Amino acid sequence: PEACPPEFANAFISGDGATFVLEPSYDMWSLGMMLYEVSVGKPYFDGKSPIAITKALRYDDFEADVSAVKDDKLRDLIGQCLRRNPKERPSITAFLLHPYFLTTGIGPFSF
């Protein structure tokens, strides 16, 4: 469930999960959660049950704490992906043009 963004948690709990329309911002949330887990070495909601995760995501005051990510630029990128408001999450183009990639390169390539 941590790969599911807050807007889906709201739809799921209200019974509208089956009709929820997927947007690219949903994928950016999932990508942010995956990057968090890879960079920190454990899931964001480590040890929490699926229902506890869904309920936590549903609250309006939920804000992802990415302070455990050591690299400043990667922390910023993950934080952008995990913004509660889906309209504030980066597009895939903005994601790839983030300073984290522009200054560190992608795999064996650098810019």
PDB file of N, CA and C in Angstrom:
ATOM      1  N   PRO A   1       0.795  -1.223   0.000  1.00  0.00           N
ATOM      2  CA  PRO A   1       0.000   0.000   0.000  1.00  0.00           C
ATOM      3  C   PRO A   1       0.831   1.278   0.000  1.00  0.00           C
ATOM      4  N   GLU A   2       2.100   1.224   0.453  1.00  0.00           N
ATOM      5  CA  GLU A   2       2.886   2.454   0.474  1.00  0.00           C
ATOM      6  C   GLU A   2       3.163   2.963  -0.932  1.00  0.00           C
ATOM      7  N   ALA A   3       3.060   2.098  -1.925  1.00  0.00           N
ATOM      8  CA  ALA A   3       3.234   2.525  -3.310  1.00  0.00           C
ATOM      9  C   ALA A   3       1.990   3.236  -3.832  1.00  0.00           C
ATOM     10  N   CYS A   4       0.906   3.163  -3.100  1.00  0.00           N
ATOM     11  CA  CYS A   4      -0.340   3.830  -3.476  1.00  0.00           C
ATOM     12  C   CYS A   4      -0.373   5.217  -2.846  1.00  0.00           C
ATOM     13  N   PRO A   5      -0.629   6.252  -3.617  1.00  0.00           N
ATOM     14  CA  PRO A   5      -0.600   7.615  -3.090  1.00  0.00           C
ATOM     15  C   PRO A   5      -1.801   7.927  -2.195  1.00  0.00           C
ATOM     16  N   PRO A   6      -1.720   9.021  -1.452  1.00  0.00           N
ATOM     17  CA  PRO A   6      -2.809   9.395  -0.554  1.00  0.00           C
ATOM     18  C   PRO A   6      -4.168   9.502  -1.235  1.00  0.00           C
ATOM     19  N   GLU A   7      -4.194   9.983  -2.475  1.00  0.00           N
ATOM     20  CA  GLU A   7      -5.491  10.122  -3.146  1.00  0.00           C
ATOM     21  C   GLU A   7      -6.143   8.764  -3.381  1.00  0.00           C
ATOM     22  N   PHE A   8      -5.347   7.728  -3.584  1.00  0.00           N
ATOM     23  CA  PHE A   8      -5.927   6.392  -3.719  1.00  0.00           C
ATOM     24  C   PHE A   8      -6.364   5.861  -2.363  1.00  0.00           C
ATOM     25  N   ALA A   9      -5.593   6.134  -1.323  1.00  0.00           N
ATOM     26  CA  ALA A   9      -5.995   5.701   0.024  1.00  0.00           C
ATOM     27  C   ALA A   9      -7.365   6.275   0.363  1.00  0.00           C
ATOM     28  N   ASN A  10      -7.592   7.545   0.044  1.00  0.00           N
ATOM     29  CA  ASN A  10      -8.899   8.159   0.290  1.00  0.00           C
ATOM     30  C   ASN A  10      -9.989   7.459  -0.508  1.00  0.00           C
ATOM     31  N   ALA A  11      -9.729   7.208  -1.783  1.00  0.00           N
ATOM     32  CA  ALA A  11     -10.721   6.542  -2.634  1.00  0.00           C
ATOM     33  C   ALA A  11     -10.991   5.127  -2.142  1.00  0.00           C
ATOM     34  N   PHE A  12      -9.957   4.407  -1.763  1.00  0.00           N
ATOM     35  CA  PHE A  12     -10.102   3.030  -1.300  1.00  0.00           C
ATOM     36  C   PHE A  12     -10.943   2.954  -0.033  1.00  0.00           C
ATOM     37  N   ILE A  13     -10.635   3.794   0.932  1.00  0.00           N
ATOM     38  CA  ILE A  13     -11.362   3.758   2.205  1.00  0.00           C
ATOM     39  C   ILE A  13     -12.803   4.223   2.032  1.00  0.00           C
ATOM     40  N   SER A  14     -13.040   5.145   1.118  1.00  0.00           N
ATOM     41  CA  SER A  14     -14.408   5.613   0.893  1.00  0.00           C
ATOM     42  C   SER A  14     -15.206   4.675  -0.010  1.00  0.00           C
ATOM     43  N   GLY A  15     -14.584   3.595  -0.485  1.00  0.00           N
ATOM     44  CA  GLY A  15     -15.292   2.619  -1.303  1.00  0.00           C
ATOM     45  C   GLY A  15     -15.222   2.881  -2.796  1.00  0.00           C
ATOM     46  N   ASP A  16     -14.415   3.842  -3.205  1.00  0.00           N
ATOM     47  CA  ASP A  16     -14.320   4.200  -4.614  1.00  0.00           C
ATOM     48  C   ASP A  16     -13.043   3.691  -5.278  1.00  0.00           C
ATOM     49  N   GLY A  17     -12.360   2.760  -4.649  1.00  0.00           N
ATOM     50  CA  GLY A  17     -11.101   2.253  -5.180  1.00  0.00           C
ATOM     51  C   GLY A  17     -11.226   1.632  -6.554  1.00  0.00           C
ATOM     52  N   ALA A  18     -12.341   0.948  -6.802  1.00  0.00           N
ATOM     53  CA  ALA A  18     -12.524   0.256  -8.080  1.00  0.00           C
ATOM     54  C   ALA A  18     -12.686   1.224  -9.249  1.00  0.00           C
ATOM     55  N   THR A  19     -13.121   2.443  -8.974  1.00  0.00           N
ATOM     56  CA  THR A  19     -13.334   3.414 -10.048  1.00  0.00           C
ATOM     57  C   THR A  19     -12.273   4.514 -10.057  1.00  0.00           C
ATOM     58  N   PHE A  20     -11.255   4.344  -9.248  1.00  0.00           N
ATOM     59  CA  PHE A  20     -10.182   5.336  -9.170  1.00  0.00           C
ATOM     60  C   PHE A  20      -9.454   5.406 -10.502  1.00  0.00           C
ATOM     61  N   VAL A  21      -9.259   6.611 -11.011  1.00  0.00           N
ATOM     62  CA  VAL A  21      -8.580   6.811 -12.290  1.00  0.00           C
ATOM     63  C   VAL A  21      -7.096   7.059 -12.026  1.00  0.00           C
ATOM     64  N   LEU A  22      -6.266   6.242 -12.634  1.00  0.00           N
ATOM     65  CA  LEU A  22      -4.823   6.374 -12.459  1.00  0.00           C
ATOM     66  C   LEU A  22      -4.292   7.531 -13.293  1.00  0.00           C
ATOM     67  N   GLU A  23      -3.457   8.327 -12.683  1.00  0.00           N
ATOM     68  CA  GLU A  23      -2.805   9.452 -13.341  1.00  0.00           C
ATOM     69  C   GLU A  23      -1.289   9.237 -13.264  1.00  0.00           C
ATOM     70  N   PRO A  24      -0.509   9.903 -14.113  1.00  0.00           N
ATOM     71  CA  PRO A  24       0.954   9.772 -14.025  1.00  0.00           C
ATOM     72  C   PRO A  24       1.510  10.141 -12.645  1.00  0.00           C
ATOM     73  N   SER A  25       0.824  11.034 -11.932  1.00  0.00           N
ATOM     74  CA  SER A  25       1.293  11.429 -10.598  1.00  0.00           C
ATOM     75  C   SER A  25       1.280  10.249  -9.630  1.00  0.00           C
ATOM     76  N   TYR A  26       0.402   9.287  -9.887  1.00  0.00           N
ATOM     77  CA  TYR A  26       0.348   8.057  -9.074  1.00  0.00           C
ATOM     78  C   TYR A  26       1.683   7.318  -9.221  1.00  0.00           C
ATOM     79  N   ASP A  27       2.149   7.220 -10.446  1.00  0.00           N
ATOM     80  CA  ASP A  27       3.418   6.534 -10.703  1.00  0.00           C
ATOM     81  C   ASP A  27       4.592   7.270 -10.061  1.00  0.00           C
ATOM     82  N   MET A  28       4.537   8.592 -10.036  1.00  0.00           N
ATOM     83  CA  MET A  28       5.620   9.357  -9.421  1.00  0.00           C
ATOM     84  C   MET A  28       5.662   9.089  -7.918  1.00  0.00           C
ATOM     85  N   TRP A  29       4.490   8.945  -7.285  1.00  0.00           N
ATOM     86  CA  TRP A  29       4.456   8.583  -5.869  1.00  0.00           C
ATOM     87  C   TRP A  29       5.121   7.218  -5.669  1.00  0.00           C
ATOM     88  N   SER A  30       4.727   6.255  -6.483  1.00  0.00           N
ATOM     89  CA  SER A  30       5.289   4.901  -6.376  1.00  0.00           C
ATOM     90  C   SER A  30       6.798   4.910  -6.584  1.00  0.00           C
ATOM     91  N   LEU A  31       7.246   5.691  -7.552  1.00  0.00           N
ATOM     92  CA  LEU A  31       8.677   5.810  -7.823  1.00  0.00           C
ATOM     93  C   LEU A  31       9.399   6.425  -6.626  1.00  0.00           C
ATOM     94  N   GLY A  32       8.787   7.421  -6.016  1.00  0.00           N
ATOM     95  CA  GLY A  32       9.369   8.035  -4.820  1.00  0.00           C
ATOM     96  C   GLY A  32       9.512   7.048  -3.681  1.00  0.00           C
ATOM     97  N   MET A  33       8.483   6.217  -3.482  1.00  0.00           N
ATOM     98  CA  MET A  33       8.550   5.207  -2.421  1.00  0.00           C
ATOM     99  C   MET A  33       9.628   4.164  -2.724  1.00  0.00           C
ATOM    100  N   MET A  34       9.745   3.781  -3.990  1.00  0.00           N
ATOM    101  CA  MET A  34      10.767   2.809  -4.360  1.00  0.00           C
ATOM    102  C   MET A  34      12.172   3.397  -4.147  1.00  0.00           C
ATOM    103  N   LEU A  35      12.376   4.634  -4.571  1.00  0.00           N
ATOM    104  CA  LEU A  35      13.675   5.286  -4.384  1.00  0.00           C
ATOM    105  C   LEU A  35      14.011   5.439  -2.905  1.00  0.00           C
ATOM    106  N   TYR A  36      13.003   5.732  -2.099  1.00  0.00           N
ATOM    107  CA  TYR A  36      13.225   5.837  -0.658  1.00  0.00           C
ATOM    108  C   TYR A  36      13.734   4.503  -0.120  1.00  0.00           C
ATOM    109  N   GLU A  37      13.045   3.437  -0.468  1.00  0.00           N
ATOM    110  CA  GLU A  37      13.424   2.113   0.036  1.00  0.00           C
ATOM    111  C   GLU A  37      14.828   1.708  -0.424  1.00  0.00           C
ATOM    112  N   VAL A  38      15.150   1.977  -1.673  1.00  0.00           N
ATOM    113  CA  VAL A  38      16.468   1.630  -2.204  1.00  0.00           C
ATOM    114  C   VAL A  38      17.557   2.461  -1.512  1.00  0.00           C
ATOM    115  N   SER A  39      17.293   3.729  -1.280  1.00  0.00           N
ATOM    116  CA  SER A  39      18.320   4.595  -0.706  1.00  0.00           C
ATOM    117  C   SER A  39      18.497   4.413   0.798  1.00  0.00           C
ATOM    118  N   VAL A  40      17.437   4.047   1.492  1.00  0.00           N
ATOM    119  CA  VAL A  40      17.501   3.910   2.948  1.00  0.00           C
ATOM    120  C   VAL A  40      17.731   2.455   3.369  1.00  0.00           C
ATOM    121  N   GLY A  41      17.277   1.533   2.533  1.00  0.00           N
ATOM    122  CA  GLY A  41      17.477   0.115   2.845  1.00  0.00           C
ATOM    123  C   GLY A  41      16.320  -0.548   3.551  1.00  0.00           C
ATOM    124  N   LYS A  42      15.205   0.180   3.671  1.00  0.00           N
ATOM    125  CA  LYS A  42      14.001  -0.411   4.258  1.00  0.00           C
ATOM    126  C   LYS A  42      12.786   0.371   3.755  1.00  0.00           C
ATOM    127  N   PRO A  43      11.615  -0.265   3.783  1.00  0.00           N
ATOM    128  CA  PRO A  43      10.410   0.429   3.319  1.00  0.00           C
ATOM    129  C   PRO A  43      10.086   1.644   4.182  1.00  0.00           C
ATOM    130  N   TYR A  44       9.416   2.604   3.613  1.00  0.00           N
ATOM    131  CA  TYR A  44       9.022   3.809   4.344  1.00  0.00           C
ATOM    132  C   TYR A  44       8.181   3.444   5.555  1.00  0.00           C
ATOM    133  N   PHE A  45       7.232   2.562   5.368  1.00  0.00           N
ATOM    134  CA  PHE A  45       6.326   2.163   6.449  1.00  0.00           C
ATOM    135  C   PHE A  45       6.744   0.815   7.027  1.00  0.00           C
ATOM    136  N   ASP A  46       8.021   0.623   7.227  1.00  0.00           N
ATOM    137  CA  ASP A  46       8.568  -0.642   7.700  1.00  0.00           C
ATOM    138  C   ASP A  46       7.839  -1.145   8.948  1.00  0.00           C
ATOM    139  N   GLY A  47       7.325  -2.381   8.860  1.00  0.00           N
ATOM    140  CA  GLY A  47       6.671  -3.013   9.992  1.00  0.00           C
ATOM    141  C   GLY A  47       5.206  -2.673  10.185  1.00  0.00           C
ATOM    142  N   LYS A  48       4.664  -1.786   9.373  1.00  0.00           N
ATOM    143  CA  LYS A  48       3.251  -1.392   9.508  1.00  0.00           C
ATOM    144  C   LYS A  48       2.372  -2.317   8.666  1.00  0.00           C
ATOM    145  N   SER A  49       1.162  -2.538   9.141  1.00  0.00           N
ATOM    146  CA  SER A  49       0.216  -3.373   8.401  1.00  0.00           C
ATOM    147  C   SER A  49      -0.347  -2.585   7.216  1.00  0.00           C
ATOM    148  N   PRO A  50      -0.862  -3.289   6.208  1.00  0.00           N
ATOM    149  CA  PRO A  50      -1.452  -2.586   5.058  1.00  0.00           C
ATOM    150  C   PRO A  50      -2.560  -1.608   5.455  1.00  0.00           C
ATOM    151  N   ILE A  51      -3.400  -1.979   6.401  1.00  0.00           N
ATOM    152  CA  ILE A  51      -4.494  -1.070   6.797  1.00  0.00           C
ATOM    153  C   ILE A  51      -3.935   0.145   7.535  1.00  0.00           C
ATOM    154  N   ALA A  52      -2.899  -0.046   8.345  1.00  0.00           N
ATOM    155  CA  ALA A  52      -2.283   1.093   9.044  1.00  0.00           C
ATOM    156  C   ALA A  52      -1.647   2.054   8.040  1.00  0.00           C
ATOM    157  N   ILE A  53      -1.026   1.514   7.007  1.00  0.00           N
ATOM    158  CA  ILE A  53      -0.416   2.350   5.974  1.00  0.00           C
ATOM    159  C   ILE A  53      -1.489   3.136   5.236  1.00  0.00           C
ATOM    160  N   THR A  54      -2.554   2.456   4.841  1.00  0.00           N
ATOM    161  CA  THR A  54      -3.643   3.111   4.110  1.00  0.00           C
ATOM    162  C   THR A  54      -4.265   4.221   4.947  1.00  0.00           C
ATOM    163  N   LYS A  55      -4.491   3.943   6.225  1.00  0.00           N
ATOM    164  CA  LYS A  55      -5.071   4.967   7.105  1.00  0.00           C
ATOM    165  C   LYS A  55      -4.125   6.148   7.276  1.00  0.00           C
ATOM    166  N   ALA A  56      -2.827   5.887   7.436  1.00  0.00           N
ATOM    167  CA  ALA A  56      -1.861   6.973   7.600  1.00  0.00           C
ATOM    168  C   ALA A  56      -1.825   7.872   6.369  1.00  0.00           C
ATOM    169  N   LEU A  57      -1.884   7.259   5.198  1.00  0.00           N
ATOM    170  CA  LEU A  57      -1.845   8.028   3.958  1.00  0.00           C
ATOM    171  C   LEU A  57      -3.100   8.868   3.767  1.00  0.00           C
ATOM    172  N   ARG A  58      -4.176   8.439   4.375  1.00  0.00           N
ATOM    173  CA  ARG A  58      -5.451   9.115   4.171  1.00  0.00           C
ATOM    174  C   ARG A  58      -5.528  10.460   4.891  1.00  0.00           C
ATOM    175  N   TYR A  59      -4.798  10.616   5.974  1.00  0.00           N
ATOM    176  CA  TYR A  59      -4.892  11.837   6.777  1.00  0.00           C
ATOM    177  C   TYR A  59      -4.346  13.046   6.028  1.00  0.00           C
ATOM    178  N   ASP A  60      -5.078  14.153   6.120  1.00  0.00           N
ATOM    179  CA  ASP A  60      -4.684  15.381   5.425  1.00  0.00           C
ATOM    180  C   ASP A  60      -3.337  15.912   5.891  1.00  0.00           C
ATOM    181  N   ASP A  61      -2.952  15.603   7.122  1.00  0.00           N
ATOM    182  CA  ASP A  61      -1.702  16.135   7.641  1.00  0.00           C
ATOM    183  C   ASP A  61      -0.500  15.221   7.365  1.00  0.00           C
ATOM    184  N   PHE A  62      -0.722  14.127   6.593  1.00  0.00           N
ATOM    185  CA  PHE A  62       0.408  13.249   6.282  1.00  0.00           C
ATOM    186  C   PHE A  62       1.400  13.991   5.397  1.00  0.00           C
ATOM    187  N   GLU A  63       2.637  13.987   5.824  1.00  0.00           N
ATOM    188  CA  GLU A  63       3.720  14.556   5.027  1.00  0.00           C
ATOM    189  C   GLU A  63       4.891  13.590   5.134  1.00  0.00           C
ATOM    190  N   ALA A  64       5.383  13.134   4.010  1.00  0.00           N
ATOM    191  CA  ALA A  64       6.476  12.160   3.999  1.00  0.00           C
ATOM    192  C   ALA A  64       7.734  12.771   4.600  1.00  0.00           C
ATOM    193  N   ASP A  65       8.331  12.063   5.535  1.00  0.00           N
ATOM    194  CA  ASP A  65       9.592  12.480   6.146  1.00  0.00           C
ATOM    195  C   ASP A  65      10.712  11.721   5.453  1.00  0.00           C
ATOM    196  N   VAL A  66      11.484  12.418   4.659  1.00  0.00           N
ATOM    197  CA  VAL A  66      12.554  11.777   3.899  1.00  0.00           C
ATOM    198  C   VAL A  66      13.932  12.113   4.464  1.00  0.00           C
ATOM    199  N   SER A  67      13.968  12.527   5.706  1.00  0.00           N
ATOM    200  CA  SER A  67      15.233  12.944   6.323  1.00  0.00           C
ATOM    201  C   SER A  67      16.247  11.804   6.437  1.00  0.00           C
ATOM    202  N   ALA A  68      15.804  10.556   6.353  1.00  0.00           N
ATOM    203  CA  ALA A  68      16.729   9.417   6.437  1.00  0.00           C
ATOM    204  C   ALA A  68      17.552   9.237   5.166  1.00  0.00           C
ATOM    205  N   VAL A  69      17.158   9.897   4.080  1.00  0.00           N
ATOM    206  CA  VAL A  69      17.912   9.814   2.822  1.00  0.00           C
ATOM    207  C   VAL A  69      19.143  10.702   2.969  1.00  0.00           C
ATOM    208  N   LYS A  70      20.316  10.124   2.816  1.00  0.00           N
ATOM    209  CA  LYS A  70      21.572  10.827   3.096  1.00  0.00           C
ATOM    210  C   LYS A  70      21.933  11.884   2.055  1.00  0.00           C
ATOM    211  N   ASP A  71      21.778  11.581   0.781  1.00  0.00           N
ATOM    212  CA  ASP A  71      22.163  12.503  -0.283  1.00  0.00           C
ATOM    213  C   ASP A  71      21.144  13.641  -0.397  1.00  0.00           C
ATOM    214  N   ASP A  72      21.614  14.883  -0.320  1.00  0.00           N
ATOM    215  CA  ASP A  72      20.721  16.047  -0.348  1.00  0.00           C
ATOM    216  C   ASP A  72      19.862  16.113  -1.603  1.00  0.00           C
ATOM    217  N   LYS A  73      20.486  15.897  -2.752  1.00  0.00           N
ATOM    218  CA  LYS A  73      19.741  15.997  -4.014  1.00  0.00           C
ATOM    219  C   LYS A  73      18.747  14.859  -4.174  1.00  0.00           C
ATOM    220  N   LEU A  74      19.139  13.668  -3.779  1.00  0.00           N
ATOM    221  CA  LEU A  74      18.211  12.539  -3.850  1.00  0.00           C
ATOM    222  C   LEU A  74      17.066  12.739  -2.866  1.00  0.00           C
ATOM    223  N   ARG A  75      17.361  13.271  -1.678  1.00  0.00           N
ATOM    224  CA  ARG A  75      16.315  13.552  -0.692  1.00  0.00           C
ATOM    225  C   ARG A  75      15.299  14.531  -1.262  1.00  0.00           C
ATOM    226  N   ASP A  76      15.801  15.570  -1.940  1.00  0.00           N
ATOM    227  CA  ASP A  76      14.906  16.549  -2.553  1.00  0.00           C
ATOM    228  C   ASP A  76      14.033  15.895  -3.623  1.00  0.00           C
ATOM    229  N   LEU A  77      14.639  15.080  -4.462  1.00  0.00           N
ATOM    230  CA  LEU A  77      13.896  14.411  -5.530  1.00  0.00           C
ATOM    231  C   LEU A  77      12.810  13.496  -4.962  1.00  0.00           C
ATOM    232  N   ILE A  78      13.162  12.694  -3.972  1.00  0.00           N
ATOM    233  CA  ILE A  78      12.185  11.796  -3.364  1.00  0.00           C
ATOM    234  C   ILE A  78      11.082  12.605  -2.697  1.00  0.00           C
ATOM    235  N   GLY A  79      11.449  13.676  -2.020  1.00  0.00           N
ATOM    236  CA  GLY A  79      10.450  14.538  -1.385  1.00  0.00           C
ATOM    237  C   GLY A  79       9.469  15.109  -2.388  1.00  0.00           C
ATOM    238  N   GLN A  80       9.962  15.482  -3.571  1.00  0.00           N
ATOM    239  CA  GLN A  80       9.071  15.996  -4.613  1.00  0.00           C
ATOM    240  C   GLN A  80       8.100  14.917  -5.082  1.00  0.00           C
ATOM    241  N   CYS A  81       8.593  13.704  -5.227  1.00  0.00           N
ATOM    242  CA  CYS A  81       7.736  12.599  -5.668  1.00  0.00           C
ATOM    243  C   CYS A  81       6.673  12.250  -4.630  1.00  0.00           C
ATOM    244  N   LEU A  82       6.985  12.494  -3.362  1.00  0.00           N
ATOM    245  CA  LEU A  82       6.077  12.107  -2.278  1.00  0.00           C
ATOM    246  C   LEU A  82       5.256  13.278  -1.759  1.00  0.00           C
ATOM    247  N   ARG A  83       5.070  14.276  -2.570  1.00  0.00           N
ATOM    248  CA  ARG A  83       4.193  15.387  -2.174  1.00  0.00           C
ATOM    249  C   ARG A  83       2.759  14.887  -2.105  1.00  0.00           C
ATOM    250  N   ARG A  84       2.062  15.328  -1.095  1.00  0.00           N
ATOM    251  CA  ARG A  84       0.676  14.893  -0.889  1.00  0.00           C
ATOM    252  C   ARG A  84      -0.218  15.310  -2.065  1.00  0.00           C
ATOM    253  N   ASN A  85      -0.043  16.531  -2.524  1.00  0.00           N
ATOM    254  CA  ASN A  85      -0.852  17.038  -3.634  1.00  0.00           C
ATOM    255  C   ASN A  85      -0.299  16.470  -4.947  1.00  0.00           C
ATOM    256  N   PRO A  86      -1.086  15.656  -5.659  1.00  0.00           N
ATOM    257  CA  PRO A  86      -0.582  15.051  -6.891  1.00  0.00           C
ATOM    258  C   PRO A  86      -0.179  16.066  -7.956  1.00  0.00           C
ATOM    259  N   LYS A  87      -0.773  17.244  -7.950  1.00  0.00           N
ATOM    260  CA  LYS A  87      -0.434  18.270  -8.940  1.00  0.00           C
ATOM    261  C   LYS A  87       0.939  18.871  -8.678  1.00  0.00           C
ATOM    262  N   GLU A  88       1.476  18.664  -7.484  1.00  0.00           N
ATOM    263  CA  GLU A  88       2.791  19.202  -7.137  1.00  0.00           C
ATOM    264  C   GLU A  88       3.923  18.191  -7.364  1.00  0.00           C
ATOM    265  N   ARG A  89       3.578  16.963  -7.724  1.00  0.00           N
ATOM    266  CA  ARG A  89       4.611  15.958  -8.009  1.00  0.00           C
ATOM    267  C   ARG A  89       5.204  16.226  -9.391  1.00  0.00           C
ATOM    268  N   PRO A  90       6.464  15.875  -9.585  1.00  0.00           N
ATOM    269  CA  PRO A  90       7.092  16.160 -10.881  1.00  0.00           C
ATOM    270  C   PRO A  90       6.571  15.260 -12.001  1.00  0.00           C
ATOM    271  N   SER A  91       6.646  15.775 -13.208  1.00  0.00           N
ATOM    272  CA  SER A  91       6.398  14.947 -14.383  1.00  0.00           C
ATOM    273  C   SER A  91       7.635  14.073 -14.572  1.00  0.00           C
ATOM    274  N   ILE A  92       7.558  13.103 -15.461  1.00  0.00           N
ATOM    275  CA  ILE A  92       8.727  12.252 -15.693  1.00  0.00           C
ATOM    276  C   ILE A  92       9.870  13.077 -16.280  1.00  0.00           C
ATOM    277  N   THR A  93       9.549  14.077 -17.089  1.00  0.00           N
ATOM    278  CA  THR A  93      10.585  14.944 -17.656  1.00  0.00           C
ATOM    279  C   THR A  93      11.273  15.737 -16.554  1.00  0.00           C
ATOM    280  N   ALA A  94      10.481  16.347 -15.670  1.00  0.00           N
ATOM    281  CA  ALA A  94      11.056  17.104 -14.555  1.00  0.00           C
ATOM    282  C   ALA A  94      11.873  16.182 -13.650  1.00  0.00           C
ATOM    283  N   PHE A  95      11.396  14.966 -13.474  1.00  0.00           N
ATOM    284  CA  PHE A  95      12.114  13.975 -12.662  1.00  0.00           C
ATOM    285  C   PHE A  95      13.501  13.725 -13.252  1.00  0.00           C
ATOM    286  N   LEU A  96      13.563  13.458 -14.548  1.00  0.00           N
ATOM    287  CA  LEU A  96      14.841  13.140 -15.193  1.00  0.00           C
ATOM    288  C   LEU A  96      15.768  14.346 -15.319  1.00  0.00           C
ATOM    289  N   LEU A  97      15.198  15.543 -15.271  1.00  0.00           N
ATOM    290  CA  LEU A  97      16.005  16.756 -15.348  1.00  0.00           C
ATOM    291  C   LEU A  97      16.349  17.316 -13.967  1.00  0.00           C
ATOM    292  N   HIS A  98      16.008  16.572 -12.928  1.00  0.00           N
ATOM    293  CA  HIS A  98      16.324  17.005 -11.564  1.00  0.00           C
ATOM    294  C   HIS A  98      17.845  17.051 -11.385  1.00  0.00           C
ATOM    295  N   PRO A  99      18.336  17.988 -10.589  1.00  0.00           N
ATOM    296  CA  PRO A  99      19.788  18.079 -10.357  1.00  0.00           C
ATOM    297  C   PRO A  99      20.448  16.777  -9.887  1.00  0.00           C
ATOM    298  N   TYR A 100      19.702  15.900  -9.249  1.00  0.00           N
ATOM    299  CA  TYR A 100      20.301  14.628  -8.832  1.00  0.00           C
ATOM    300  C   TYR A 100      20.853  13.870 -10.037  1.00  0.00           C
ATOM    301  N   PHE A 101      20.089  13.822 -11.114  1.00  0.00           N
ATOM    302  CA  PHE A 101      20.534  13.115 -12.314  1.00  0.00           C
ATOM    303  C   PHE A 101      21.516  13.944 -13.136  1.00  0.00           C
ATOM    304  N   LEU A 102      21.304  15.239 -13.173  1.00  0.00           N
ATOM    305  CA  LEU A 102      22.162  16.101 -13.990  1.00  0.00           C
ATOM    306  C   LEU A 102      23.565  16.217 -13.427  1.00  0.00           C
ATOM    307  N   THR A 103      23.723  16.002 -12.150  1.00  0.00           N
ATOM    308  CA  THR A 103      25.055  16.141 -11.547  1.00  0.00           C
ATOM    309  C   THR A 103      25.709  14.816 -11.198  1.00  0.00           C
ATOM    310  N   THR A 104      24.930  13.748 -11.140  1.00  0.00           N
ATOM    311  CA  THR A 104      25.517  12.457 -10.781  1.00  0.00           C
ATOM    312  C   THR A 104      25.546  11.502 -11.964  1.00  0.00           C
ATOM    313  N   GLY A 105      24.759  11.782 -12.990  1.00  0.00           N
ATOM    314  CA  GLY A 105      24.693  10.894 -14.148  1.00  0.00           C
ATOM    315  C   GLY A 105      23.733   9.745 -13.912  1.00  0.00           C
ATOM    316  N   ILE A 106      23.565   8.940 -14.931  1.00  0.00           N
ATOM    317  CA  ILE A 106      22.684   7.783 -14.858  1.00  0.00           C
ATOM    318  C   ILE A 106      23.541   6.576 -15.169  1.00  0.00           C
ATOM    319  N   GLY A 107      23.816   5.757 -14.187  1.00  0.00           N
ATOM    320  CA  GLY A 107      24.658   4.600 -14.386  1.00  0.00           C
ATOM    321  C   GLY A 107      26.045   5.033 -14.836  1.00  0.00           C
ATOM    322  N   PRO A 108      26.554   4.453 -15.924  1.00  0.00           N
ATOM    323  CA  PRO A 108      27.904   4.789 -16.378  1.00  0.00           C
ATOM    324  C   PRO A 108      27.957   6.125 -17.133  1.00  0.00           C
ATOM    325  N   PHE A 109      26.793   6.722 -17.363  1.00  0.00           N
ATOM    326  CA  PHE A 109      26.750   7.971 -18.121  1.00  0.00           C
ATOM    327  C   PHE A 109      26.693   9.164 -17.180  1.00  0.00           C
ATOM    328  N   SER A 110      27.290  10.241 -17.545  1.00  0.00           N
ATOM    329  CA  SER A 110      27.154  11.482 -16.785  1.00  0.00           C
ATOM    330  C   SER A 110      27.027  12.624 -17.768  1.00  0.00           C
ATOM    331  N   PHE A 111      26.546  13.738 -17.261  1.00  0.00           N
ATOM    332  CA  PHE A 111      26.281  14.889 -18.108  1.00  0.00           C
ATOM    333  C   PHE A 111      27.213  16.024 -17.774  1.00  0.00           C
TER     334      PHE A 111
END
